[in-house]
Amino acid sequence: MGRATLLALFMACWMNCSGTVNSAPTNPKWDRSANTPPGSFKLVDVEIEMRRLGCLGRCPVYTVILKGDGSGVYEGTKYVKTRGRQSLRIEREAFKAVLQGFYDIHFFTLTDSDVQSVNEVSIDSLGQVTVKDVPEQIVLDDDEIWLSVRIGAYHKEVHASAFWLTSSDVWALGRLIDRAAGTGKLTGQ
């Protein structure tokens, strides 16, 4: 196997096989043992949550929770037009479109975290690949998003950073949630 092929395989694995980093709270009642959502369920059993976790600058920090019964909650924390908790309503078709978005990006097969640890990769003259962790003092100022979907007892969450290009589908889904929930008027974005 050539050096370029080996490096390409390594990089593909590195970008898609990262360890879990989860800065979002978890709920012990959710079933993490099932790796696929149920094949049949009622829309009222679905809850979607998005947390915009901000950055070192003025990125908005807020949470949106949407439920299959059409109810929802927005909570603005920092760098948003409306701070605090607000009730939301979401149309059934808009909620179904958001839920479909999770399936469209194969959300349920994504790793729990798209936030990569920063590594230094070196290849010696014999083609031996060595990976070293870069010291933790490196700070990337990028916006972060945490998406979660609960269907009955099943739960899946993904944490993504704007810095990593592999998370573009997750960010597009976040924008779809924002549009469906009408958060633009609350965040001022």
N, C-alpha and C. Protein backbone atom coordinates (compact mmCIF):
# COMPACT_ATOMS: atom_id res chain seq x y z
N MET A 1 0.86 -1.17 0.00
CA MET A 1 0.00 0.00 0.00
C MET A 1 0.90 1.23 0.00
N GLY A 2 0.60 2.17 -0.86
CA GLY A 2 1.40 3.38 -0.98
C GLY A 2 1.21 4.31 0.21
N ARG A 3 2.19 5.17 0.37
CA ARG A 3 2.18 6.14 1.47
C ARG A 3 0.97 7.07 1.40
N ALA A 4 0.62 7.52 0.20
CA ALA A 4 -0.52 8.42 0.03
C ALA A 4 -1.83 7.71 0.37
N THR A 5 -1.95 6.44 -0.03
CA THR A 5 -3.16 5.67 0.28
C THR A 5 -3.29 5.46 1.77
N LEU A 6 -2.16 5.11 2.42
CA LEU A 6 -2.16 4.91 3.86
C LEU A 6 -2.58 6.19 4.59
N LEU A 7 -2.04 7.31 4.15
CA LEU A 7 -2.39 8.59 4.77
C LEU A 7 -3.87 8.91 4.55
N ALA A 8 -4.38 8.66 3.35
CA ALA A 8 -5.79 8.92 3.05
C ALA A 8 -6.70 8.07 3.93
N LEU A 9 -6.36 6.78 4.08
CA LEU A 9 -7.15 5.90 4.95
C LEU A 9 -7.10 6.36 6.39
N PHE A 10 -5.91 6.75 6.83
CA PHE A 10 -5.76 7.22 8.21
C PHE A 10 -6.60 8.47 8.44
N MET A 11 -6.53 9.43 7.51
CA MET A 11 -7.27 10.68 7.67
C MET A 11 -8.78 10.43 7.65
N ALA A 12 -9.24 9.52 6.78
CA ALA A 12 -10.67 9.22 6.73
C ALA A 12 -11.14 8.64 8.06
N CYS A 13 -10.34 7.73 8.62
CA CYS A 13 -10.70 7.15 9.92
C CYS A 13 -10.63 8.21 11.01
N TRP A 14 -9.61 9.04 10.98
CA TRP A 14 -9.44 10.07 12.00
C TRP A 14 -10.62 11.04 12.00
N MET A 15 -11.08 11.42 10.80
CA MET A 15 -12.18 12.37 10.71
C MET A 15 -13.52 11.74 11.10
N ASN A 16 -13.67 10.42 10.92
CA ASN A 16 -14.97 9.78 11.16
C ASN A 16 -15.02 8.89 12.40
N CYS A 17 -13.89 8.64 13.04
CA CYS A 17 -13.85 7.70 14.15
C CYS A 17 -13.37 8.36 15.43
N SER A 18 -13.71 9.60 15.63
CA SER A 18 -13.23 10.31 16.80
C SER A 18 -13.93 9.82 18.05
N GLY A 19 -13.31 10.06 19.18
CA GLY A 19 -13.92 9.71 20.46
C GLY A 19 -15.04 10.66 20.80
N THR A 20 -15.81 10.29 21.79
CA THR A 20 -16.96 11.09 22.18
C THR A 20 -16.55 12.23 23.09
N VAL A 21 -17.00 13.40 22.77
CA VAL A 21 -16.86 14.57 23.62
C VAL A 21 -18.27 15.08 23.81
N ASN A 22 -18.73 15.14 25.02
CA ASN A 22 -20.12 15.53 25.22
C ASN A 22 -20.19 16.56 26.32
N SER A 23 -20.43 17.81 25.96
CA SER A 23 -20.55 18.85 26.96
C SER A 23 -22.00 19.11 27.32
N ALA A 24 -22.91 18.34 26.73
CA ALA A 24 -24.32 18.55 26.97
C ALA A 24 -24.81 17.63 28.08
N PRO A 25 -25.82 18.06 28.81
CA PRO A 25 -26.34 17.21 29.88
C PRO A 25 -27.01 15.97 29.31
N THR A 26 -27.03 14.91 30.10
CA THR A 26 -27.69 13.68 29.68
C THR A 26 -28.80 13.36 30.66
N ASN A 27 -29.70 12.52 30.23
CA ASN A 27 -30.83 12.14 31.06
C ASN A 27 -30.81 10.63 31.23
N PRO A 28 -30.71 10.10 32.45
CA PRO A 28 -30.58 8.66 32.65
C PRO A 28 -31.79 7.85 32.20
N LYS A 29 -32.95 8.48 32.01
CA LYS A 29 -34.12 7.71 31.59
C LYS A 29 -34.09 7.36 30.11
N TRP A 30 -33.21 8.00 29.33
CA TRP A 30 -33.14 7.71 27.90
C TRP A 30 -32.34 6.45 27.65
N ASP A 31 -32.76 5.68 26.67
CA ASP A 31 -32.13 4.41 26.34
C ASP A 31 -30.98 4.63 25.37
N ARG A 32 -29.77 4.46 25.84
CA ARG A 32 -28.60 4.61 24.97
C ARG A 32 -28.14 3.26 24.42
N SER A 33 -28.76 2.16 24.81
CA SER A 33 -28.33 0.85 24.34
C SER A 33 -28.81 0.58 22.92
N ALA A 34 -29.94 1.12 22.54
CA ALA A 34 -30.45 0.93 21.19
C ALA A 34 -29.71 1.87 20.25
N ASN A 35 -29.20 1.33 19.12
CA ASN A 35 -28.45 2.19 18.22
C ASN A 35 -29.27 2.66 17.02
N THR A 36 -30.52 2.27 16.96
CA THR A 36 -31.39 2.77 15.91
C THR A 36 -32.72 3.19 16.52
N PRO A 37 -33.35 4.18 15.93
CA PRO A 37 -34.65 4.61 16.47
C PRO A 37 -35.71 3.56 16.15
N PRO A 38 -36.82 3.61 16.87
CA PRO A 38 -37.89 2.65 16.58
C PRO A 38 -38.41 2.82 15.16
N GLY A 39 -38.86 1.73 14.56
CA GLY A 39 -39.37 1.76 13.19
C GLY A 39 -40.76 2.36 13.08
N SER A 40 -41.48 2.38 14.18
CA SER A 40 -42.83 2.93 14.18
C SER A 40 -43.05 3.64 15.51
N PHE A 41 -43.60 4.85 15.43
CA PHE A 41 -43.82 5.62 16.66
C PHE A 41 -44.83 6.71 16.38
N LYS A 42 -45.36 7.30 17.44
CA LYS A 42 -46.30 8.41 17.33
C LYS A 42 -45.52 9.72 17.33
N LEU A 43 -45.98 10.67 16.55
CA LEU A 43 -45.32 11.96 16.45
C LEU A 43 -45.24 12.66 17.82
N VAL A 44 -46.24 12.46 18.66
CA VAL A 44 -46.25 13.10 19.98
C VAL A 44 -45.16 12.54 20.89
N ASP A 45 -44.56 11.40 20.52
CA ASP A 45 -43.48 10.81 21.32
C ASP A 45 -42.10 11.34 20.94
N VAL A 46 -42.06 12.33 20.03
CA VAL A 46 -40.78 12.86 19.54
C VAL A 46 -40.50 14.21 20.18
N GLU A 47 -39.25 14.37 20.62
CA GLU A 47 -38.77 15.64 21.15
C GLU A 47 -37.42 15.94 20.52
N ILE A 48 -37.28 17.13 19.99
CA ILE A 48 -36.05 17.55 19.32
C ILE A 48 -35.48 18.73 20.12
N GLU A 49 -34.20 18.67 20.40
CA GLU A 49 -33.56 19.75 21.13
C GLU A 49 -32.31 20.20 20.38
N MET A 50 -32.14 21.52 20.32
CA MET A 50 -30.94 22.10 19.73
C MET A 50 -30.37 23.11 20.73
N ARG A 51 -29.09 22.98 20.97
CA ARG A 51 -28.40 23.95 21.82
C ARG A 51 -27.29 24.58 21.00
N ARG A 52 -27.35 25.89 20.87
CA ARG A 52 -26.24 26.63 20.28
C ARG A 52 -25.35 27.02 21.46
N LEU A 53 -24.15 26.48 21.46
CA LEU A 53 -23.28 26.59 22.63
C LEU A 53 -22.37 27.80 22.61
N GLY A 54 -22.40 28.58 21.52
CA GLY A 54 -21.61 29.80 21.47
C GLY A 54 -20.16 29.59 21.10
N CYS A 55 -19.38 30.62 21.32
CA CYS A 55 -17.96 30.62 21.02
C CYS A 55 -17.29 31.60 21.98
N LEU A 56 -16.04 31.92 21.75
CA LEU A 56 -15.35 32.88 22.61
C LEU A 56 -15.78 34.32 22.32
N GLY A 57 -16.39 34.51 21.16
CA GLY A 57 -16.84 35.85 20.77
C GLY A 57 -18.30 36.07 21.09
N ARG A 58 -19.03 36.65 20.12
CA ARG A 58 -20.42 37.03 20.34
C ARG A 58 -21.41 36.09 19.64
N CYS A 59 -21.09 34.81 19.53
CA CYS A 59 -22.00 33.84 18.95
C CYS A 59 -23.20 33.65 19.88
N PRO A 60 -24.41 33.60 19.33
CA PRO A 60 -25.59 33.45 20.19
C PRO A 60 -25.59 32.13 20.94
N VAL A 61 -26.06 32.18 22.19
CA VAL A 61 -26.17 30.99 23.03
C VAL A 61 -27.64 30.85 23.40
N TYR A 62 -28.25 29.77 22.93
CA TYR A 62 -29.67 29.54 23.22
C TYR A 62 -30.02 28.07 23.03
N THR A 63 -31.18 27.69 23.53
CA THR A 63 -31.70 26.34 23.41
C THR A 63 -33.10 26.39 22.83
N VAL A 64 -33.40 25.44 21.95
CA VAL A 64 -34.73 25.28 21.38
C VAL A 64 -35.15 23.83 21.60
N ILE A 65 -36.34 23.64 22.15
CA ILE A 65 -36.90 22.30 22.30
C ILE A 65 -38.23 22.30 21.55
N LEU A 66 -38.38 21.35 20.63
CA LEU A 66 -39.60 21.21 19.85
C LEU A 66 -40.19 19.83 20.11
N LYS A 67 -41.51 19.78 20.29
CA LYS A 67 -42.18 18.51 20.58
C LYS A 67 -43.18 18.19 19.48
N GLY A 68 -43.40 16.90 19.30
CA GLY A 68 -44.30 16.42 18.25
C GLY A 68 -45.75 16.84 18.43
N ASP A 69 -46.10 17.32 19.62
CA ASP A 69 -47.47 17.81 19.84
C ASP A 69 -47.63 19.26 19.40
N GLY A 70 -46.55 19.86 18.86
CA GLY A 70 -46.62 21.24 18.36
C GLY A 70 -46.14 22.28 19.35
N SER A 71 -45.81 21.86 20.56
CA SER A 71 -45.32 22.82 21.56
C SER A 71 -43.80 22.92 21.48
N GLY A 72 -43.28 23.95 22.10
CA GLY A 72 -41.84 24.12 22.13
C GLY A 72 -41.43 25.19 23.11
N VAL A 73 -40.14 25.27 23.34
CA VAL A 73 -39.57 26.24 24.27
C VAL A 73 -38.28 26.78 23.67
N TYR A 74 -38.11 28.08 23.80
CA TYR A 74 -36.86 28.76 23.46
C TYR A 74 -36.32 29.33 24.76
N GLU A 75 -35.01 29.20 24.96
CA GLU A 75 -34.38 29.86 26.10
C GLU A 75 -33.10 30.53 25.64
N GLY A 76 -33.11 31.86 25.62
CA GLY A 76 -31.96 32.64 25.21
C GLY A 76 -31.07 32.93 26.41
N THR A 77 -29.77 32.77 26.21
CA THR A 77 -28.82 32.95 27.32
C THR A 77 -27.89 34.14 27.11
N LYS A 78 -27.17 34.16 25.97
CA LYS A 78 -26.20 35.23 25.71
C LYS A 78 -26.24 35.63 24.24
N TYR A 79 -25.94 36.89 23.99
CA TYR A 79 -25.80 37.43 22.63
C TYR A 79 -27.03 37.15 21.77
N VAL A 80 -28.21 37.25 22.38
CA VAL A 80 -29.48 37.08 21.68
C VAL A 80 -30.35 38.30 21.96
N LYS A 81 -31.29 38.57 21.10
CA LYS A 81 -32.21 39.70 21.27
C LYS A 81 -33.12 39.47 22.47
N THR A 82 -33.64 38.24 22.61
CA THR A 82 -34.56 37.90 23.69
C THR A 82 -33.92 36.90 24.63
N ARG A 83 -33.67 37.35 25.86
CA ARG A 83 -33.13 36.45 26.88
C ARG A 83 -34.27 35.84 27.67
N GLY A 84 -34.03 34.68 28.22
CA GLY A 84 -35.03 34.01 29.03
C GLY A 84 -35.83 33.00 28.24
N ARG A 85 -36.88 32.53 28.87
CA ARG A 85 -37.69 31.43 28.35
C ARG A 85 -38.94 31.97 27.63
N GLN A 86 -39.21 31.40 26.46
CA GLN A 86 -40.39 31.76 25.66
C GLN A 86 -41.04 30.48 25.16
N SER A 87 -42.36 30.43 25.19
CA SER A 87 -43.08 29.29 24.61
C SER A 87 -43.10 29.43 23.09
N LEU A 88 -43.07 28.30 22.40
CA LEU A 88 -43.12 28.27 20.94
C LEU A 88 -44.26 27.35 20.50
N ARG A 89 -44.73 27.58 19.29
CA ARG A 89 -45.65 26.66 18.62
C ARG A 89 -45.04 26.33 17.28
N ILE A 90 -45.11 25.08 16.90
CA ILE A 90 -44.60 24.66 15.60
C ILE A 90 -45.70 23.89 14.87
N GLU A 91 -45.90 24.25 13.61
CA GLU A 91 -46.90 23.57 12.79
C GLU A 91 -46.48 22.11 12.58
N ARG A 92 -47.48 21.26 12.47
CA ARG A 92 -47.24 19.83 12.29
C ARG A 92 -46.35 19.55 11.08
N GLU A 93 -46.62 20.19 9.95
CA GLU A 93 -45.82 19.96 8.73
C GLU A 93 -44.38 20.43 8.92
N ALA A 94 -44.20 21.53 9.61
CA ALA A 94 -42.84 22.03 9.87
C ALA A 94 -42.09 21.05 10.77
N PHE A 95 -42.77 20.52 11.78
CA PHE A 95 -42.13 19.55 12.67
C PHE A 95 -41.76 18.28 11.90
N LYS A 96 -42.67 17.81 11.05
CA LYS A 96 -42.37 16.63 10.24
C LYS A 96 -41.18 16.88 9.32
N ALA A 97 -41.06 18.08 8.78
CA ALA A 97 -39.92 18.41 7.91
C ALA A 97 -38.61 18.37 8.69
N VAL A 98 -38.63 18.87 9.92
CA VAL A 98 -37.43 18.83 10.77
C VAL A 98 -37.07 17.38 11.07
N LEU A 99 -38.05 16.58 11.47
CA LEU A 99 -37.80 15.17 11.76
C LEU A 99 -37.25 14.46 10.52
N GLN A 100 -37.82 14.77 9.36
CA GLN A 100 -37.31 14.18 8.12
C GLN A 100 -35.86 14.59 7.88
N GLY A 101 -35.51 15.81 8.27
CA GLY A 101 -34.13 16.28 8.14
C GLY A 101 -33.15 15.40 8.91
N PHE A 102 -33.55 14.92 10.08
CA PHE A 102 -32.69 14.01 10.85
C PHE A 102 -32.43 12.74 10.06
N TYR A 103 -33.49 12.22 9.43
CA TYR A 103 -33.31 11.00 8.62
C TYR A 103 -32.51 11.29 7.36
N ASP A 104 -32.73 12.45 6.74
CA ASP A 104 -32.03 12.78 5.50
C ASP A 104 -30.52 12.83 5.66
N ILE A 105 -30.04 13.30 6.82
CA ILE A 105 -28.59 13.38 7.02
C ILE A 105 -28.04 12.14 7.73
N HIS A 106 -28.89 11.14 7.89
CA HIS A 106 -28.49 9.89 8.56
C HIS A 106 -27.98 10.18 9.97
N PHE A 107 -28.70 11.06 10.65
CA PHE A 107 -28.33 11.51 11.99
C PHE A 107 -28.10 10.35 12.94
N PHE A 108 -28.90 9.30 12.81
CA PHE A 108 -28.86 8.21 13.77
C PHE A 108 -27.63 7.32 13.59
N THR A 109 -26.87 7.55 12.51
CA THR A 109 -25.64 6.79 12.30
C THR A 109 -24.39 7.63 12.58
N LEU A 110 -24.58 8.92 12.87
CA LEU A 110 -23.44 9.80 13.14
C LEU A 110 -22.79 9.45 14.48
N THR A 111 -21.51 9.75 14.60
CA THR A 111 -20.87 9.60 15.91
C THR A 111 -21.44 10.65 16.83
N ASP A 112 -21.36 10.39 18.12
CA ASP A 112 -21.96 11.30 19.10
C ASP A 112 -21.29 12.66 19.11
N SER A 113 -20.06 12.73 18.62
CA SER A 113 -19.38 14.01 18.60
C SER A 113 -18.64 14.19 17.29
N ASP A 114 -18.82 15.35 16.70
CA ASP A 114 -18.08 15.70 15.51
C ASP A 114 -16.95 16.66 15.88
N VAL A 115 -16.80 16.91 17.19
CA VAL A 115 -15.72 17.76 17.66
C VAL A 115 -14.48 16.88 17.75
N GLN A 116 -13.51 17.18 16.93
CA GLN A 116 -12.30 16.37 16.86
C GLN A 116 -11.26 16.87 17.85
N SER A 117 -10.50 15.92 18.39
CA SER A 117 -9.34 16.36 19.13
C SER A 117 -8.29 16.75 18.10
N VAL A 118 -7.48 17.73 18.41
CA VAL A 118 -6.47 18.19 17.47
C VAL A 118 -5.23 17.33 17.65
N ASN A 119 -4.78 16.69 16.57
CA ASN A 119 -3.63 15.80 16.63
C ASN A 119 -2.56 16.25 15.66
N GLU A 120 -1.33 15.88 15.97
CA GLU A 120 -0.21 16.11 15.07
C GLU A 120 0.13 14.78 14.43
N VAL A 121 0.12 14.73 13.10
CA VAL A 121 0.38 13.50 12.37
C VAL A 121 1.74 13.61 11.70
N SER A 122 2.58 12.59 11.88
CA SER A 122 3.85 12.56 11.18
C SER A 122 4.05 11.19 10.56
N ILE A 123 4.74 11.16 9.41
CA ILE A 123 5.03 9.91 8.71
C ILE A 123 6.53 9.87 8.48
N ASP A 124 7.18 8.79 8.95
CA ASP A 124 8.63 8.69 8.77
C ASP A 124 8.95 8.15 7.38
N SER A 125 10.22 8.02 7.07
CA SER A 125 10.66 7.60 5.73
C SER A 125 10.23 6.18 5.39
N LEU A 126 9.90 5.35 6.39
CA LEU A 126 9.43 3.99 6.14
C LEU A 126 7.91 3.90 6.03
N GLY A 127 7.24 5.03 6.14
CA GLY A 127 5.79 5.05 6.04
C GLY A 127 5.07 4.81 7.36
N GLN A 128 5.83 4.81 8.48
CA GLN A 128 5.21 4.62 9.79
C GLN A 128 4.50 5.91 10.21
N VAL A 129 3.20 5.79 10.53
CA VAL A 129 2.40 6.94 10.91
C VAL A 129 2.40 7.05 12.43
N THR A 130 2.68 8.25 12.93
CA THR A 130 2.64 8.52 14.37
C THR A 130 1.69 9.67 14.60
N VAL A 131 0.81 9.50 15.58
CA VAL A 131 -0.16 10.53 15.93
C VAL A 131 0.08 10.94 17.36
N LYS A 132 0.25 12.23 17.59
CA LYS A 132 0.45 12.77 18.93
C LYS A 132 -0.62 13.81 19.20
N ASP A 133 -1.13 13.81 20.40
CA ASP A 133 -2.06 14.86 20.79
C ASP A 133 -1.32 16.19 20.88
N VAL A 134 -1.97 17.23 20.34
CA VAL A 134 -1.43 18.57 20.46
C VAL A 134 -1.79 19.06 21.87
N PRO A 135 -0.90 19.77 22.54
CA PRO A 135 -1.20 20.24 23.90
C PRO A 135 -2.54 20.96 23.98
N GLU A 136 -3.21 20.80 25.12
CA GLU A 136 -4.55 21.35 25.30
C GLU A 136 -4.60 22.87 25.32
N GLN A 137 -3.48 23.56 25.29
CA GLN A 137 -3.49 25.01 25.33
C GLN A 137 -4.03 25.62 24.04
N ILE A 138 -4.14 24.83 22.99
CA ILE A 138 -4.68 25.36 21.73
C ILE A 138 -6.18 25.55 21.89
N VAL A 139 -6.67 26.73 21.55
CA VAL A 139 -8.10 27.03 21.66
C VAL A 139 -8.58 27.48 20.29
N LEU A 140 -9.66 26.85 19.85
CA LEU A 140 -10.27 27.24 18.59
C LEU A 140 -11.54 28.01 18.92
N ASP A 141 -11.68 29.20 18.36
CA ASP A 141 -12.85 30.02 18.61
C ASP A 141 -13.87 29.74 17.52
N ASP A 142 -14.70 28.75 17.76
CA ASP A 142 -15.71 28.40 16.77
C ASP A 142 -17.02 28.10 17.47
N ASP A 143 -18.09 28.34 16.74
CA ASP A 143 -19.43 28.11 17.23
C ASP A 143 -19.66 26.60 17.36
N GLU A 144 -20.46 26.22 18.35
CA GLU A 144 -20.76 24.80 18.55
C GLU A 144 -22.26 24.60 18.62
N ILE A 145 -22.68 23.41 18.22
CA ILE A 145 -24.10 23.05 18.23
C ILE A 145 -24.24 21.65 18.80
N TRP A 146 -25.30 21.45 19.53
CA TRP A 146 -25.64 20.14 20.07
C TRP A 146 -27.07 19.84 19.65
N LEU A 147 -27.27 18.73 18.95
CA LEU A 147 -28.59 18.32 18.51
C LEU A 147 -28.97 17.01 19.17
N SER A 148 -30.21 16.92 19.55
CA SER A 148 -30.71 15.72 20.22
C SER A 148 -32.09 15.40 19.70
N VAL A 149 -32.37 14.12 19.54
CA VAL A 149 -33.72 13.69 19.21
C VAL A 149 -34.08 12.54 20.14
N ARG A 150 -35.27 12.64 20.69
CA ARG A 150 -35.79 11.57 21.55
C ARG A 150 -37.08 11.07 20.92
N ILE A 151 -37.16 9.75 20.78
CA ILE A 151 -38.37 9.11 20.27
C ILE A 151 -38.75 8.05 21.30
N GLY A 152 -39.74 8.36 22.12
CA GLY A 152 -40.07 7.46 23.22
C GLY A 152 -38.87 7.34 24.15
N ALA A 153 -38.41 6.11 24.41
CA ALA A 153 -37.25 5.90 25.27
C ALA A 153 -35.93 6.01 24.51
N TYR A 154 -35.98 5.99 23.18
CA TYR A 154 -34.75 6.09 22.37
C TYR A 154 -34.23 7.52 22.39
N HIS A 155 -32.91 7.67 22.44
CA HIS A 155 -32.30 9.00 22.45
C HIS A 155 -30.99 8.98 21.69
N LYS A 156 -30.77 10.01 20.87
CA LYS A 156 -29.51 10.17 20.14
C LYS A 156 -29.13 11.64 20.19
N GLU A 157 -27.85 11.92 20.43
CA GLU A 157 -27.37 13.30 20.46
C GLU A 157 -26.06 13.38 19.70
N VAL A 158 -25.84 14.53 19.08
CA VAL A 158 -24.61 14.80 18.34
C VAL A 158 -24.15 16.20 18.68
N HIS A 159 -22.88 16.32 18.97
CA HIS A 159 -22.24 17.61 19.26
C HIS A 159 -21.32 17.92 18.11
N ALA A 160 -21.44 19.10 17.52
CA ALA A 160 -20.62 19.46 16.36
C ALA A 160 -20.05 20.86 16.53
N SER A 161 -18.92 21.07 15.90
CA SER A 161 -18.24 22.34 15.92
C SER A 161 -18.19 22.91 14.51
N ALA A 162 -18.35 24.21 14.38
CA ALA A 162 -18.30 24.85 13.06
C ALA A 162 -16.93 24.70 12.41
N PHE A 163 -15.91 24.47 13.20
CA PHE A 163 -14.54 24.37 12.67
C PHE A 163 -14.36 23.14 11.78
N TRP A 164 -15.01 22.03 12.12
CA TRP A 164 -14.80 20.78 11.40
C TRP A 164 -15.77 20.70 10.23
N LEU A 165 -15.23 20.56 9.03
CA LEU A 165 -16.05 20.57 7.82
C LEU A 165 -17.00 19.39 7.74
N THR A 166 -16.72 18.29 8.45
CA THR A 166 -17.57 17.11 8.38
C THR A 166 -18.94 17.34 9.00
N SER A 167 -19.13 18.46 9.70
CA SER A 167 -20.38 18.69 10.40
C SER A 167 -21.36 19.55 9.60
N SER A 168 -21.13 19.78 8.32
CA SER A 168 -21.98 20.71 7.56
C SER A 168 -23.44 20.27 7.53
N ASP A 169 -23.72 18.96 7.46
CA ASP A 169 -25.11 18.50 7.48
C ASP A 169 -25.78 18.79 8.81
N VAL A 170 -25.03 18.66 9.89
CA VAL A 170 -25.56 18.95 11.23
C VAL A 170 -25.91 20.43 11.33
N TRP A 171 -25.05 21.30 10.80
CA TRP A 171 -25.31 22.74 10.82
C TRP A 171 -26.51 23.09 9.95
N ALA A 172 -26.66 22.44 8.80
CA ALA A 172 -27.82 22.68 7.94
C ALA A 172 -29.10 22.27 8.67
N LEU A 173 -29.05 21.17 9.40
CA LEU A 173 -30.20 20.74 10.18
C LEU A 173 -30.51 21.76 11.28
N GLY A 174 -29.48 22.32 11.89
CA GLY A 174 -29.68 23.38 12.89
C GLY A 174 -30.39 24.58 12.30
N ARG A 175 -30.01 24.97 11.07
CA ARG A 175 -30.68 26.10 10.41
C ARG A 175 -32.14 25.78 10.10
N LEU A 176 -32.41 24.52 9.73
CA LEU A 176 -33.78 24.09 9.48
C LEU A 176 -34.61 24.18 10.77
N ILE A 177 -34.04 23.77 11.88
CA ILE A 177 -34.73 23.88 13.18
C ILE A 177 -35.01 25.34 13.51
N ASP A 178 -34.01 26.20 13.30
CA ASP A 178 -34.21 27.63 13.55
C ASP A 178 -35.36 28.20 12.72
N ARG A 179 -35.41 27.85 11.44
CA ARG A 179 -36.49 28.36 10.57
C ARG A 179 -37.85 27.83 11.02
N ALA A 180 -37.92 26.54 11.32
CA ALA A 180 -39.20 25.93 11.73
C ALA A 180 -39.70 26.52 13.04
N ALA A 181 -38.79 26.81 13.96
CA ALA A 181 -39.16 27.35 15.27
C ALA A 181 -39.32 28.86 15.27
N GLY A 182 -38.85 29.52 14.21
CA GLY A 182 -38.93 30.98 14.13
C GLY A 182 -38.03 31.68 15.14
N THR A 183 -36.87 31.09 15.41
CA THR A 183 -35.99 31.66 16.43
C THR A 183 -35.28 32.93 15.97
N GLY A 184 -35.29 33.20 14.67
CA GLY A 184 -34.59 34.40 14.16
C GLY A 184 -35.06 35.68 14.84
N LYS A 185 -36.36 35.80 15.07
CA LYS A 185 -36.89 37.00 15.71
C LYS A 185 -36.49 37.08 17.18
N LEU A 186 -36.19 35.92 17.80
CA LEU A 186 -35.79 35.90 19.21
C LEU A 186 -34.29 36.11 19.40
N THR A 187 -33.52 35.59 18.43
CA THR A 187 -32.07 35.72 18.55
C THR A 187 -31.55 37.01 17.90
N GLY A 188 -32.35 37.57 16.99
CA GLY A 188 -31.89 38.74 16.26
C GLY A 188 -30.98 38.37 15.11
N GLN A 189 -30.94 37.11 14.74
CA GLN A 189 -30.07 36.63 13.66
C GLN A 189 -30.80 36.60 12.33
